[in-house]
Amino acid sequence: MAGVVIIILVLVIAIPVGFLMTMSVVAGVLGWSVEDEVDVTYAGTEDYALAYPEA
């Protein structure tokens, strides 16, 4: 009976939480890696002015 409870806890809690934590790290790395290219591409446009109003 304890084995069933452990398997259910892993399937319901551990796997989804691990997946969400991993995807947040992937999103952060992706955003950091493409930031410079996007800034160069959109420099001088209205989109850039909206994203960086102090610039």
Protein backbone atom coordinates (compact mmCIF):
# COMPACT_ATOMS: atom_id res chain seq x y z
CA MET A 1 0.00 0.00 0.00
CA ALA A 2 2.85 2.42 0.80
CA GLY A 3 4.37 1.80 -2.62
CA VAL A 4 1.15 2.86 -4.34
CA VAL A 5 1.04 6.10 -2.32
CA ILE A 6 4.67 6.87 -3.14
CA ILE A 7 4.10 6.27 -6.86
CA ILE A 8 1.00 8.49 -6.85
CA LEU A 9 2.86 11.30 -5.02
CA VAL A 10 5.70 11.12 -7.55
CA LEU A 11 3.31 11.20 -10.50
CA VAL A 12 1.12 13.99 -9.11
CA ILE A 13 3.68 16.23 -7.38
CA ALA A 14 7.32 15.50 -8.20
CA ILE A 15 7.14 15.16 -11.98
CA PRO A 16 4.97 18.28 -12.65
CA VAL A 17 7.01 20.45 -10.27
CA GLY A 18 10.28 19.25 -11.79
CA PHE A 19 8.96 19.93 -15.29
CA LEU A 20 7.84 23.47 -14.40
CA MET A 21 11.16 24.28 -12.75
CA THR A 22 13.08 22.97 -15.75
CA MET A 23 10.99 24.96 -18.23
CA SER A 24 11.45 28.17 -16.24
CA VAL A 25 15.22 27.74 -16.47
CA VAL A 26 14.94 27.02 -20.22
CA ALA A 27 12.83 30.16 -20.72
CA GLY A 28 15.34 32.28 -18.81
CA VAL A 29 18.28 30.98 -20.81
CA LEU A 30 16.43 31.47 -24.09
CA GLY A 31 15.45 35.05 -23.21
CA TRP A 32 18.98 35.88 -22.11
CA SER A 33 20.54 34.37 -25.23
CA VAL A 34 18.38 36.18 -27.81
CA GLU A 35 18.11 39.55 -26.04
CA ASP A 36 21.07 41.21 -27.80
CA GLU A 37 20.00 40.04 -31.26
CA VAL A 38 16.45 41.33 -30.75
CA ASP A 39 17.70 44.67 -29.42
CA VAL A 40 19.92 45.16 -32.47
CA THR A 41 17.16 44.12 -34.88
CA TYR A 42 14.53 46.46 -33.44
CA ALA A 43 16.72 49.43 -32.46
CA GLY A 44 15.17 52.69 -33.60
CA THR A 45 11.65 51.29 -34.01
CA GLU A 46 8.48 52.01 -32.09
CA ASP A 47 8.62 48.52 -30.56
CA TYR A 48 12.03 49.23 -29.07
CA ALA A 49 10.83 52.58 -27.73
CA LEU A 50 7.88 50.89 -26.03
CA ALA A 51 10.09 48.19 -24.50
CA TYR A 52 12.73 50.67 -23.29
CA PRO A 53 11.01 54.02 -22.62
CA GLU A 54 14.08 55.43 -20.83
CA ALA A 55 16.29 54.93 -23.91
